[in-house]
Amino acid sequence: EAFYNTPPIGKRGTSSYLTKGVMAQLLQGDIKPCK
């Protein structure tokens, strides 16, 4: 409930925690070379 009641934007907002998890999973995969 406390998580659902937290604003998405701002310091310690839900989006910051979701973004952290997304980046962690992405960095476990392959990184494509960029010109």
ModelCIF file with pLDDT and N, C-alpha, C, O atoms, coordinates in Angstrom:
data_MODEL
#
_entry.id   MODEL 
#
_entity.id                         1 
_entity.type                       polymer 
_entity.pdbx_number_of_molecules   1 
#
_entity_poly.entity_id                      1 
_entity_poly.type                           'polypeptide(L)' 
_entity_poly.nstd_linkage                   no 
_entity_poly.nstd_monomer                   no 
_entity_poly.pdbx_seq_one_letter_code       EAFYNTPPIGKRGTSSYLTKGVMAQLLQGDIKPCK 
_entity_poly.pdbx_seq_one_letter_code_can   EAFYNTPPIGKRGTSSYLTKGVMAQLLQGDIKPCK 
_entity_poly.pdbx_strand_id                 A 
#
loop_
_entity_poly_seq.entity_id 
_entity_poly_seq.num 
_entity_poly_seq.mon_id 
_entity_poly_seq.hetero 
1 1  GLU n 
1 2  ALA n 
1 3  PHE n 
1 4  TYR n 
1 5  ASN n 
1 6  THR n 
1 7  PRO n 
1 8  PRO n 
1 9  ILE n 
1 10 GLY n 
1 11 LYS n 
1 12 ARG n 
1 13 GLY n 
1 14 THR n 
1 15 SER n 
1 16 SER n 
1 17 TYR n 
1 18 LEU n 
1 19 THR n 
1 20 LYS n 
1 21 GLY n 
1 22 VAL n 
1 23 MET n 
1 24 ALA n 
1 25 GLN n 
1 26 LEU n 
1 27 LEU n 
1 28 GLN n 
1 29 GLY n 
1 30 ASP n 
1 31 ILE n 
1 32 LYS n 
1 33 PRO n 
1 34 CYS n 
1 35 LYS n 
#
_struct_asym.id          A 
_struct_asym.entity_id   1 
#
loop_
_ma_qa_metric.id 
_ma_qa_metric.mode 
_ma_qa_metric.name 
_ma_qa_metric.software_group_id 
_ma_qa_metric.type 
1 global pLDDT . pLDDT 
2 local  pLDDT . pLDDT 
#
_ma_qa_metric_global.metric_id      1 
_ma_qa_metric_global.metric_value   86.17 
_ma_qa_metric_global.model_id       1 
_ma_qa_metric_global.ordinal_id     1 
#
loop_
_ma_qa_metric_local.label_asym_id 
_ma_qa_metric_local.label_comp_id 
_ma_qa_metric_local.label_seq_id 
_ma_qa_metric_local.metric_id 
_ma_qa_metric_local.metric_value 
_ma_qa_metric_local.model_id 
_ma_qa_metric_local.ordinal_id 
A GLU 1  2 95.00 1 1  
A ALA 2  2 95.00 1 2  
A PHE 3  2 96.00 1 3  
A TYR 4  2 97.00 1 4  
A ASN 5  2 96.00 1 5  
A THR 6  2 96.00 1 6  
A PRO 7  2 95.00 1 7  
A PRO 8  2 95.00 1 8  
A ILE 9  2 92.00 1 9  
A GLY 10 2 86.00 1 10 
A LYS 11 2 86.00 1 11 
A ARG 12 2 90.00 1 12 
A GLY 13 2 94.00 1 13 
A THR 14 2 97.00 1 14 
A SER 15 2 96.00 1 15 
A SER 16 2 96.00 1 16 
A TYR 17 2 96.00 1 17 
A LEU 18 2 97.00 1 18 
A THR 19 2 96.00 1 19 
A LYS 20 2 95.00 1 20 
A GLY 21 2 93.00 1 21 
A VAL 22 2 95.00 1 22 
A MET 23 2 94.00 1 23 
A ALA 24 2 91.00 1 24 
A GLN 25 2 89.00 1 25 
A LEU 26 2 90.00 1 26 
A LEU 27 2 86.00 1 27 
A GLN 28 2 80.00 1 28 
A GLY 29 2 63.00 1 29 
A ASP 30 2 60.00 1 30 
A ILE 31 2 60.00 1 31 
A LYS 32 2 63.00 1 32 
A PRO 33 2 57.00 1 33 
A CYS 34 2 56.00 1 34 
A LYS 35 2 53.00 1 35 
#
loop_
_atom_site.group_PDB 
_atom_site.id 
_atom_site.type_symbol 
_atom_site.label_atom_id 
_atom_site.label_alt_id 
_atom_site.label_comp_id 
_atom_site.label_asym_id 
_atom_site.label_entity_id 
_atom_site.label_seq_id 
_atom_site.pdbx_PDB_ins_code 
_atom_site.Cartn_x 
_atom_site.Cartn_y 
_atom_site.Cartn_z 
_atom_site.occupancy 
_atom_site.B_iso_or_equiv 
_atom_site.pdbx_formal_charge 
_atom_site.auth_seq_id 
_atom_site.auth_comp_id 
_atom_site.auth_asym_id 
_atom_site.auth_atom_id 
_atom_site.pdbx_PDB_model_num 
ATOM 1   N N  . GLU A 1 1  ? 0.814  -1.212 0.000   1.00 95.00 ? 1  GLU A N  1 
ATOM 2   C CA . GLU A 1 1  ? 0.000  0.000  0.000   1.00 95.00 ? 1  GLU A CA 1 
ATOM 3   C C  . GLU A 1 1  ? 0.853  1.271  0.000   1.00 95.00 ? 1  GLU A C  1 
ATOM 4   O O  . GLU A 1 1  ? 0.541  2.228  -0.709  1.00 95.00 ? 1  GLU A O  1 
ATOM 5   N N  . ALA A 1 2  ? 1.928  1.283  0.793   1.00 95.00 ? 2  ALA A N  1 
ATOM 6   C CA . ALA A 1 2  ? 2.786  2.475  0.857   1.00 95.00 ? 2  ALA A CA 1 
ATOM 7   C C  . ALA A 1 2  ? 3.428  2.752  -0.500  1.00 95.00 ? 2  ALA A C  1 
ATOM 8   O O  . ALA A 1 2  ? 3.603  3.909  -0.883  1.00 95.00 ? 2  ALA A O  1 
ATOM 9   N N  . PHE A 1 3  ? 3.775  1.697  -1.220  1.00 96.00 ? 3  PHE A N  1 
ATOM 10  C CA . PHE A 1 3  ? 4.364  1.855  -2.555  1.00 96.00 ? 3  PHE A CA 1 
ATOM 11  C C  . PHE A 1 3  ? 3.331  2.431  -3.523  1.00 96.00 ? 3  PHE A C  1 
ATOM 12  O O  . PHE A 1 3  ? 3.633  3.337  -4.299  1.00 96.00 ? 3  PHE A O  1 
ATOM 13  N N  . TYR A 1 4  ? 2.113  1.896  -3.469  1.00 97.00 ? 4  TYR A N  1 
ATOM 14  C CA . TYR A 1 4  ? 1.041  2.400  -4.336  1.00 97.00 ? 4  TYR A CA 1 
ATOM 15  C C  . TYR A 1 4  ? 0.704  3.861  -4.024  1.00 97.00 ? 4  TYR A C  1 
ATOM 16  O O  . TYR A 1 4  ? 0.212  4.592  -4.883  1.00 97.00 ? 4  TYR A O  1 
ATOM 17  N N  . ASN A 1 5  ? 0.975  4.267  -2.794  1.00 96.00 ? 5  ASN A N  1 
ATOM 18  C CA . ASN A 1 5  ? 0.615  5.619  -2.361  1.00 96.00 ? 5  ASN A CA 1 
ATOM 19  C C  . ASN A 1 5  ? 1.756  6.618  -2.556  1.00 96.00 ? 5  ASN A C  1 
ATOM 20  O O  . ASN A 1 5  ? 1.674  7.759  -2.101  1.00 96.00 ? 5  ASN A O  1 
ATOM 21  N N  . THR A 1 6  ? 2.826  6.181  -3.237  1.00 96.00 ? 6  THR A N  1 
ATOM 22  C CA . THR A 1 6  ? 3.986  7.037  -3.476  1.00 96.00 ? 6  THR A CA 1 
ATOM 23  C C  . THR A 1 6  ? 3.883  7.683  -4.860  1.00 96.00 ? 6  THR A C  1 
ATOM 24  O O  . THR A 1 6  ? 3.554  6.998  -5.829  1.00 96.00 ? 6  THR A O  1 
ATOM 25  N N  . PRO A 1 7  ? 4.157  8.989  -4.972  1.00 95.00 ? 7  PRO A N  1 
ATOM 26  C CA . PRO A 1 7  ? 4.116  9.648  -6.294  1.00 95.00 ? 7  PRO A CA 1 
ATOM 27  C C  . PRO A 1 7  ? 5.102  8.982  -7.250  1.00 95.00 ? 7  PRO A C  1 
ATOM 28  O O  . PRO A 1 7  ? 6.138  8.484  -6.810  1.00 95.00 ? 7  PRO A O  1 
ATOM 29  N N  . PRO A 1 8  ? 4.804  8.964  -8.543  1.00 95.00 ? 8  PRO A N  1 
ATOM 30  C CA . PRO A 1 8  ? 5.731  8.355  -9.489  1.00 95.00 ? 8  PRO A CA 1 
ATOM 31  C C  . PRO A 1 8  ? 7.003  9.163  -9.698  1.00 95.00 ? 8  PRO A C  1 
ATOM 32  O O  . PRO A 1 8  ? 8.080  8.593  -9.870  1.00 95.00 ? 8  PRO A O  1 
ATOM 33  N N  . ILE A 1 9  ? 6.886  10.486 -9.684  1.00 92.00 ? 9  ILE A N  1 
ATOM 34  C CA . ILE A 1 9  ? 8.012  11.360 -9.995  1.00 92.00 ? 9  ILE A CA 1 
ATOM 35  C C  . ILE A 1 9  ? 8.602  11.944 -8.710  1.00 92.00 ? 9  ILE A C  1 
ATOM 36  O O  . ILE A 1 9  ? 7.911  12.093 -7.702  1.00 92.00 ? 9  ILE A O  1 
ATOM 37  N N  . GLY A 1 10 ? 9.884  12.269 -8.771  1.00 86.00 ? 10 GLY A N  1 
ATOM 38  C CA . GLY A 1 10 ? 10.536 12.887 -7.621  1.00 86.00 ? 10 GLY A CA 1 
ATOM 39  C C  . GLY A 1 10 ? 11.505 11.933 -6.956  1.00 86.00 ? 10 GLY A C  1 
ATOM 40  O O  . GLY A 1 10 ? 11.567 10.752 -7.296  1.00 86.00 ? 10 GLY A O  1 
ATOM 41  N N  . LYS A 1 11 ? 12.264 12.458 -6.003  1.00 86.00 ? 11 LYS A N  1 
ATOM 42  C CA . LYS A 1 11 ? 13.225 11.642 -5.273  1.00 86.00 ? 11 LYS A CA 1 
ATOM 43  C C  . LYS A 1 11 ? 12.497 10.529 -4.530  1.00 86.00 ? 11 LYS A C  1 
ATOM 44  O O  . LYS A 1 11 ? 11.540 10.784 -3.799  1.00 86.00 ? 11 LYS A O  1 
ATOM 45  N N  . ARG A 1 12 ? 12.951 9.298  -4.719  1.00 90.00 ? 12 ARG A N  1 
ATOM 46  C CA . ARG A 1 12 ? 12.332 8.114  -4.122  1.00 90.00 ? 12 ARG A CA 1 
ATOM 47  C C  . ARG A 1 12 ? 10.882 7.947  -4.565  1.00 90.00 ? 12 ARG A C  1 
ATOM 48  O O  . ARG A 1 12 ? 10.049 7.436  -3.817  1.00 90.00 ? 12 ARG A O  1 
ATOM 49  N N  . GLY A 1 13 ? 10.593 8.384  -5.786  1.00 94.00 ? 13 GLY A N  1 
ATOM 50  C CA . GLY A 1 13 ? 9.289  8.124  -6.386  1.00 94.00 ? 13 GLY A CA 1 
ATOM 51  C C  . GLY A 1 13 ? 9.272  6.725  -6.987  1.00 94.00 ? 13 GLY A C  1 
ATOM 52  O O  . GLY A 1 13 ? 10.332 6.130  -7.182  1.00 94.00 ? 13 GLY A O  1 
ATOM 53  N N  . THR A 1 14 ? 8.108  6.195  -7.282  1.00 97.00 ? 14 THR A N  1 
ATOM 54  C CA . THR A 1 14 ? 8.017  4.824  -7.805  1.00 97.00 ? 14 THR A CA 1 
ATOM 55  C C  . THR A 1 14 ? 8.811  4.671  -9.103  1.00 97.00 ? 14 THR A C  1 
ATOM 56  O O  . THR A 1 14 ? 9.421  3.627  -9.335  1.00 97.00 ? 14 THR A O  1 
ATOM 57  N N  . SER A 1 15 ? 8.809  5.713  -9.959  1.00 96.00 ? 15 SER A N  1 
ATOM 58  C CA . SER A 1 15 ? 9.516  5.614  -11.238 1.00 96.00 ? 15 SER A CA 1 
ATOM 59  C C  . SER A 1 15 ? 11.019 5.421  -11.041 1.00 96.00 ? 15 SER A C  1 
ATOM 60  O O  . SER A 1 15 ? 11.657 4.727  -11.832 1.00 96.00 ? 15 SER A O  1 
ATOM 61  N N  . SER A 1 16 ? 11.592 6.023  -10.001 1.00 96.00 ? 16 SER A N  1 
ATOM 62  C CA . SER A 1 16 ? 13.030 5.876  -9.764  1.00 96.00 ? 16 SER A CA 1 
ATOM 63  C C  . SER A 1 16 ? 13.375 4.434  -9.412  1.00 96.00 ? 16 SER A C  1 
ATOM 64  O O  . SER A 1 16 ? 14.399 3.910  -9.852  1.00 96.00 ? 16 SER A O  1 
ATOM 65  N N  . TYR A 1 17 ? 12.523 3.796  -8.619  1.00 96.00 ? 17 TYR A N  1 
ATOM 66  C CA . TYR A 1 17 ? 12.774 2.396  -8.253  1.00 96.00 ? 17 TYR A CA 1 
ATOM 67  C C  . TYR A 1 17 ? 12.535 1.468  -9.439  1.00 96.00 ? 17 TYR A C  1 
ATOM 68  O O  . TYR A 1 17 ? 13.274 0.503  -9.632  1.00 96.00 ? 17 TYR A O  1 
ATOM 69  N N  . LEU A 1 18 ? 11.509 1.756  -10.231 1.00 97.00 ? 18 LEU A N  1 
ATOM 70  C CA . LEU A 1 18 ? 11.234 0.943  -11.420 1.00 97.00 ? 18 LEU A CA 1 
ATOM 71  C C  . LEU A 1 18 ? 12.371 1.077  -12.430 1.00 97.00 ? 18 LEU A C  1 
ATOM 72  O O  . LEU A 1 18 ? 12.789 0.089  -13.033 1.00 97.00 ? 18 LEU A O  1 
ATOM 73  N N  . THR A 1 19 ? 12.869 2.299  -12.612 1.00 96.00 ? 19 THR A N  1 
ATOM 74  C CA . THR A 1 19 ? 13.964 2.542  -13.559 1.00 96.00 ? 19 THR A CA 1 
ATOM 75  C C  . THR A 1 19 ? 15.221 1.785  -13.146 1.00 96.00 ? 19 THR A C  1 
ATOM 76  O O  . THR A 1 19 ? 15.912 1.215  -13.991 1.00 96.00 ? 19 THR A O  1 
ATOM 77  N N  . LYS A 1 20 ? 15.513 1.778  -11.863 1.00 95.00 ? 20 LYS A N  1 
ATOM 78  C CA . LYS A 1 20 ? 16.699 1.078  -11.357 1.00 95.00 ? 20 LYS A CA 1 
ATOM 79  C C  . LYS A 1 20 ? 16.638 -0.408 -11.703 1.00 95.00 ? 20 LYS A C  1 
ATOM 80  O O  . LYS A 1 20 ? 17.633 -0.991 -12.134 1.00 95.00 ? 20 LYS A O  1 
ATOM 81  N N  . GLY A 1 21 ? 15.465 -1.019 -11.514 1.00 93.00 ? 21 GLY A N  1 
ATOM 82  C CA . GLY A 1 21 ? 15.298 -2.438 -11.823 1.00 93.00 ? 21 GLY A CA 1 
ATOM 83  C C  . GLY A 1 21 ? 15.413 -2.717 -13.308 1.00 93.00 ? 21 GLY A C  1 
ATOM 84  O O  . GLY A 1 21 ? 15.999 -3.722 -13.711 1.00 93.00 ? 21 GLY A O  1 
ATOM 85  N N  . VAL A 1 22 ? 14.855 -1.829 -14.128 1.00 95.00 ? 22 VAL A N  1 
ATOM 86  C CA . VAL A 1 22 ? 14.917 -1.987 -15.587 1.00 95.00 ? 22 VAL A CA 1 
ATOM 87  C C  . VAL A 1 22 ? 16.369 -1.911 -16.061 1.00 95.00 ? 22 VAL A C  1 
ATOM 88  O O  . VAL A 1 22 ? 16.807 -2.735 -16.865 1.00 95.00 ? 22 VAL A O  1 
ATOM 89  N N  . MET A 1 23 ? 17.108 -0.929 -15.566 1.00 94.00 ? 23 MET A N  1 
ATOM 90  C CA . MET A 1 23 ? 18.513 -0.775 -15.973 1.00 94.00 ? 23 MET A CA 1 
ATOM 91  C C  . MET A 1 23 ? 19.345 -1.982 -15.545 1.00 94.00 ? 23 MET A C  1 
ATOM 92  O O  . MET A 1 23 ? 20.210 -2.435 -16.294 1.00 94.00 ? 23 MET A O  1 
ATOM 93  N N  . ALA A 1 24 ? 19.092 -2.495 -14.369 1.00 91.00 ? 24 ALA A N  1 
ATOM 94  C CA . ALA A 1 24 ? 19.840 -3.652 -13.879 1.00 91.00 ? 24 ALA A CA 1 
ATOM 95  C C  . ALA A 1 24 ? 19.645 -4.847 -14.805 1.00 91.00 ? 24 ALA A C  1 
ATOM 96  O O  . ALA A 1 24 ? 20.600 -5.557 -15.119 1.00 91.00 ? 24 ALA A O  1 
ATOM 97  N N  . GLN A 1 25 ? 18.402 -5.070 -15.245 1.00 89.00 ? 25 GLN A N  1 
ATOM 98  C CA . GLN A 1 25 ? 18.143 -6.202 -16.139 1.00 89.00 ? 25 GLN A CA 1 
ATOM 99  C C  . GLN A 1 25 ? 18.748 -5.948 -17.526 1.00 89.00 ? 25 GLN A C  1 
ATOM 100 O O  . GLN A 1 25 ? 19.293 -6.866 -18.138 1.00 89.00 ? 25 GLN A O  1 
ATOM 101 N N  . LEU A 1 26 ? 18.657 -4.733 -18.014 1.00 90.00 ? 26 LEU A N  1 
ATOM 102 C CA . LEU A 1 26 ? 19.211 -4.408 -19.330 1.00 90.00 ? 26 LEU A CA 1 
ATOM 103 C C  . LEU A 1 26 ? 20.719 -4.621 -19.375 1.00 90.00 ? 26 LEU A C  1 
ATOM 104 O O  . LEU A 1 26 ? 21.255 -5.116 -20.367 1.00 90.00 ? 26 LEU A O  1 
ATOM 105 N N  . LEU A 1 27 ? 21.393 -4.248 -18.306 1.00 86.00 ? 27 LEU A N  1 
ATOM 106 C CA . LEU A 1 27 ? 22.857 -4.342 -18.270 1.00 86.00 ? 27 LEU A CA 1 
ATOM 107 C C  . LEU A 1 27 ? 23.342 -5.786 -18.164 1.00 86.00 ? 27 LEU A C  1 
ATOM 108 O O  . LEU A 1 27 ? 24.533 -6.058 -18.323 1.00 86.00 ? 27 LEU A O  1 
ATOM 109 N N  . GLN A 1 28 ? 22.422 -6.708 -17.897 1.00 80.00 ? 28 GLN A N  1 
ATOM 110 C CA . GLN A 1 28 ? 22.793 -8.127 -17.881 1.00 80.00 ? 28 GLN A CA 1 
ATOM 111 C C  . GLN A 1 28 ? 22.835 -8.702 -19.295 1.00 80.00 ? 28 GLN A C  1 
ATOM 112 O O  . GLN A 1 28 ? 23.400 -9.771 -19.524 1.00 80.00 ? 28 GLN A O  1 
ATOM 113 N N  . GLY A 1 29 ? 22.229 -7.976 -20.243 1.00 63.00 ? 29 GLY A N  1 
ATOM 114 C CA . GLY A 1 29 ? 22.182 -8.450 -21.622 1.00 63.00 ? 29 GLY A CA 1 
ATOM 115 C C  . GLY A 1 29 ? 23.356 -7.945 -22.432 1.00 63.00 ? 29 GLY A C  1 
ATOM 116 O O  . GLY A 1 29 ? 24.313 -7.380 -21.903 1.00 63.00 ? 29 GLY A O  1 
ATOM 117 N N  . ASP A 1 30 ? 23.253 -8.167 -23.753 1.00 60.00 ? 30 ASP A N  1 
ATOM 118 C CA . ASP A 1 30 ? 24.313 -7.727 -24.652 1.00 60.00 ? 30 ASP A CA 1 
ATOM 119 C C  . ASP A 1 30 ? 24.202 -6.239 -24.924 1.00 60.00 ? 30 ASP A C  1 
ATOM 120 O O  . ASP A 1 30 ? 23.107 -5.678 -24.957 1.00 60.00 ? 30 ASP A O  1 
ATOM 121 N N  . ILE A 1 31 ? 25.351 -5.610 -25.118 1.00 60.00 ? 31 ILE A N  1 
ATOM 122 C CA . ILE A 1 31 ? 25.393 -4.194 -25.473 1.00 60.00 ? 31 ILE A CA 1 
ATOM 123 C C  . ILE A 1 31 ? 25.816 -4.085 -26.929 1.00 60.00 ? 31 ILE A C  1 
ATOM 124 O O  . ILE A 1 31 ? 26.909 -4.517 -27.295 1.00 60.00 ? 31 ILE A O  1 
ATOM 125 N N  . LYS A 1 32 ? 24.961 -3.515 -27.752 1.00 63.00 ? 32 LYS A N  1 
ATOM 126 C CA . LYS A 1 32 ? 25.246 -3.401 -29.181 1.00 63.00 ? 32 LYS A CA 1 
ATOM 127 C C  . LYS A 1 32 ? 26.265 -2.287 -29.419 1.00 63.00 ? 32 LYS A C  1 
ATOM 128 O O  . LYS A 1 32 ? 26.203 -1.243 -28.770 1.00 63.00 ? 32 LYS A O  1 
ATOM 129 N N  . PRO A 1 33 ? 27.203 -2.502 -30.348 1.00 57.00 ? 33 PRO A N  1 
ATOM 130 C CA . PRO A 1 33 ? 28.168 -1.435 -30.658 1.00 57.00 ? 33 PRO A CA 1 
ATOM 131 C C  . PRO A 1 33 ? 27.460 -0.258 -31.325 1.00 57.00 ? 33 PRO A C  1 
ATOM 132 O O  . PRO A 1 33 ? 26.541 -0.444 -32.122 1.00 57.00 ? 33 PRO A O  1 
ATOM 133 N N  . CYS A 1 34 ? 27.890 0.925  -30.997 1.00 56.00 ? 34 CYS A N  1 
ATOM 134 C CA . CYS A 1 34 ? 27.296 2.136  -31.557 1.00 56.00 ? 34 CYS A CA 1 
ATOM 135 C C  . CYS A 1 34 ? 28.403 2.926  -32.257 1.00 56.00 ? 34 CYS A C  1 
ATOM 136 O O  . CYS A 1 34 ? 29.482 3.113  -31.696 1.00 56.00 ? 34 CYS A O  1 
ATOM 137 N N  . LYS A 1 35 ? 28.141 3.386  -33.470 1.00 53.00 ? 35 LYS A N  1 
ATOM 138 C CA . LYS A 1 35 ? 29.171 4.069  -34.249 1.00 53.00 ? 35 LYS A CA 1 
ATOM 139 C C  . LYS A 1 35 ? 29.664 5.339  -33.560 1.00 53.00 ? 35 LYS A C  1 
ATOM 140 O O  . LYS A 1 35 ? 30.534 6.030  -34.089 1.00 53.00 ? 35 LYS A O  1 
#
